Amino acid sequence: MRESVQAVQAELMMSFLVSEELSFRIPVELRYEAADPYAVRLTFHLPGDAPVTWAFGRELLVDGINGAAGDGDVRVSPVRGATGGATGELPGEVHIRLQVGSDQALFRAGVAPLIAFLDRTDKLVPLGQEQALADFEAELDEALDRILAEEQSAG
């Protein structure tokens, strides 16, 4: 039997911004797996609905902490408020905008827990090393499949 997939997981609270006047905090699970080294998965637990999972590039989340990133269905950008610090200082929060057609959802998350999560993903698979791992995983899967097939045909 194969070892379980190496993964990094974290749960944090995000604000779901319904309108300028209405927002509420919801639990969000972040998950990163070495078997899919480019993607981060966010699972939102909205009250009264089944959990919803979005997958997008880990690099998009990294880039979105420092400046606006993304031009498709997922966009991440720092929240620059009146209490912003010196130039070059990290923002305290980011906006994560998810869009399908004309429907969109906007979330606000603290930067500190996102950085802690991303740091853990970097220890599992360093940024820039995803391709090497993806190639290794594919070769390992292929080799294990051959071994299992040989055992079954011998038995």
Protein backbone atom coordinates (compact mmCIF):
# COMPACT_ATOMS: atom_id res chain seq x y z
CA MET A 1 0.00 0.00 0.00
CA ARG A 2 1.24 3.49 -0.82
CA GLU A 3 2.06 6.08 1.81
CA SER A 4 -0.53 8.80 2.26
CA VAL A 5 -0.12 11.92 0.15
CA GLN A 6 2.06 14.59 1.70
CA ALA A 7 -0.12 17.61 2.36
CA VAL A 8 -0.29 20.86 4.26
CA GLN A 9 -3.61 21.94 5.67
CA ALA A 10 -4.79 24.94 7.68
CA GLU A 11 -8.11 26.34 8.80
CA LEU A 12 -8.64 30.04 9.20
CA MET A 13 -11.49 32.47 9.47
CA MET A 14 -12.21 34.78 6.54
CA SER A 15 -14.77 37.53 6.13
CA PHE A 16 -17.33 36.86 3.41
CA LEU A 17 -18.21 40.32 2.07
CA VAL A 18 -21.83 40.15 0.96
CA SER A 19 -22.11 43.91 0.40
CA GLU A 20 -20.42 47.10 1.63
CA GLU A 21 -22.67 46.98 4.70
CA LEU A 22 -22.81 43.22 5.35
CA SER A 23 -20.07 40.67 5.98
CA PHE A 24 -19.71 37.63 8.17
CA ARG A 25 -16.85 35.40 9.25
CA ILE A 26 -16.69 31.84 7.95
CA PRO A 27 -14.23 28.97 8.39
CA VAL A 28 -12.06 28.28 5.35
CA GLU A 29 -9.83 25.27 4.88
CA LEU A 30 -6.63 25.70 2.87
CA ARG A 31 -5.01 22.56 1.49
CA TYR A 32 -1.86 21.96 -0.51
CA GLU A 33 -0.74 18.53 -1.73
CA ALA A 34 2.67 17.54 -3.02
CA ALA A 35 0.92 15.34 -5.60
CA ASP A 36 -0.56 18.52 -7.17
CA PRO A 37 2.34 20.91 -6.53
CA TYR A 38 1.02 23.94 -8.41
CA ALA A 39 -2.42 24.18 -6.76
CA VAL A 40 -3.86 25.46 -3.50
CA ARG A 41 -7.41 24.46 -2.59
CA LEU A 42 -9.72 26.68 -0.55
CA THR A 43 -12.86 25.10 0.85
CA PHE A 44 -15.48 27.55 2.07
CA HIS A 45 -18.12 26.48 4.54
CA LEU A 46 -20.98 28.91 3.91
CA PRO A 47 -23.90 28.68 6.34
CA GLY A 48 -26.74 26.57 4.97
CA ASP A 49 -24.81 25.42 1.87
CA ALA A 50 -22.61 22.45 1.06
CA PRO A 51 -18.87 23.24 1.23
CA VAL A 52 -17.45 24.78 -1.94
CA THR A 53 -13.86 24.13 -3.06
CA TRP A 54 -11.83 26.33 -5.39
CA ALA A 55 -8.41 25.36 -6.71
CA PHE A 56 -5.95 27.86 -8.11
CA GLY A 57 -2.22 28.41 -8.44
CA ARG A 58 -0.15 28.67 -5.28
CA GLU A 59 1.91 31.36 -7.01
CA LEU A 60 -1.25 33.47 -7.46
CA LEU A 61 -1.74 33.50 -3.69
CA VAL A 62 1.94 34.37 -3.12
CA ASP A 63 1.84 37.20 -5.68
CA GLY A 64 -1.51 38.53 -4.41
CA ILE A 65 -0.10 39.28 -0.97
CA ASN A 66 2.20 41.96 -2.38
CA GLY A 67 0.13 43.28 -5.28
CA ALA A 68 -2.91 42.61 -7.42
CA ALA A 69 -2.65 39.17 -9.05
CA GLY A 70 -4.86 37.11 -11.30
CA ASP A 71 -6.86 38.02 -14.38
CA GLY A 72 -9.37 35.18 -14.55
CA ASP A 73 -11.88 33.66 -12.17
CA VAL A 74 -9.61 34.10 -9.13
CA ARG A 75 -8.02 37.40 -8.14
CA VAL A 76 -6.02 38.20 -5.03
CA SER A 77 -5.00 41.69 -3.96
CA PRO A 78 -3.77 43.43 -0.82
CA VAL A 79 -6.21 45.54 1.17
CA ARG A 80 -4.57 48.93 1.48
CA GLY A 81 -6.41 50.91 4.11
CA ALA A 82 -5.99 54.23 5.86
CA THR A 83 -3.86 52.43 8.46
CA GLY A 84 -1.37 51.19 5.86
CA GLY A 85 2.27 51.19 6.80
CA ALA A 86 5.46 52.18 5.07
CA THR A 87 6.08 51.38 1.43
CA GLY A 88 7.25 47.81 1.04
CA GLU A 89 5.47 46.70 4.21
CA LEU A 90 3.11 43.74 3.88
CA PRO A 91 -0.60 44.53 4.09
CA GLY A 92 -2.57 43.20 7.04
CA GLU A 93 -5.25 41.65 4.83
CA VAL A 94 -5.93 40.53 1.27
CA HIS A 95 -9.08 40.29 -0.82
CA ILE A 96 -9.77 37.02 -2.62
CA ARG A 97 -12.33 37.44 -5.39
CA LEU A 98 -13.87 34.33 -6.96
CA GLN A 99 -16.00 34.74 -10.06
CA VAL A 100 -18.12 32.45 -12.23
CA GLY A 101 -19.81 34.32 -15.06
CA SER A 102 -21.53 37.33 -13.52
CA ASP A 103 -21.62 35.75 -10.03
CA GLN A 104 -18.80 36.62 -7.68
CA ALA A 105 -17.83 36.18 -4.06
CA LEU A 106 -15.42 38.43 -2.20
CA PHE A 107 -13.48 37.31 0.86
CA ARG A 108 -11.07 39.16 3.14
CA ALA A 109 -8.32 37.20 4.86
CA GLY A 110 -5.50 38.06 7.21
CA VAL A 111 -2.06 37.95 5.61
CA ALA A 112 -0.25 36.42 8.62
CA PRO A 113 -2.06 33.04 8.53
CA LEU A 114 -1.75 32.92 4.73
CA ILE A 115 2.01 33.50 4.95
CA ALA A 116 2.30 30.82 7.64
CA PHE A 117 0.41 28.38 5.39
CA LEU A 118 2.50 29.29 2.32
CA ASP A 119 5.70 28.89 4.34
CA ARG A 120 4.64 25.34 5.23
CA THR A 121 3.87 24.58 1.56
CA ASP A 122 7.31 25.89 0.61
CA LYS A 123 8.91 23.47 3.06
CA LEU A 124 7.01 20.60 1.45
CA VAL A 125 7.66 21.72 -2.16
CA PRO A 126 9.88 24.79 -2.59
CA LEU A 127 8.51 27.43 -4.95
CA GLY A 128 10.07 26.90 -8.36
CA GLN A 129 10.62 23.16 -7.75
CA GLU A 130 7.08 22.05 -8.66
CA GLN A 131 7.99 20.67 -12.10
CA ALA A 132 10.73 18.43 -10.75
CA LEU A 133 8.33 17.01 -8.17
CA ALA A 134 5.53 16.57 -10.71
CA ASP A 135 7.89 14.59 -12.98
CA PHE A 136 9.13 12.49 -10.05
CA GLU A 137 5.56 11.73 -8.86
CA ALA A 138 4.52 10.64 -12.36
CA GLU A 139 7.56 8.36 -12.68
CA LEU A 140 6.98 6.91 -9.21
CA ASP A 141 3.30 6.21 -9.97
CA GLU A 142 4.27 4.53 -13.24
CA ALA A 143 6.90 2.36 -11.52
CA LEU A 144 4.49 1.35 -8.73
CA ASP A 145 1.81 0.48 -11.28
CA ARG A 146 4.30 -1.76 -13.15
CA ILE A 147 5.32 -3.51 -9.92
CA LEU A 148 1.70 -4.09 -8.92
CA ALA A 149 0.85 -5.42 -12.40
CA GLU A 150 3.84 -7.82 -12.28
CA GLU A 151 2.79 -9.08 -8.83
CA GLN A 152 -0.77 -9.67 -10.00
CA SER A 153 0.31 -11.54 -13.15
CA ALA A 154 2.81 -13.67 -11.15
CA GLY A 155 0.16 -14.59 -8.53
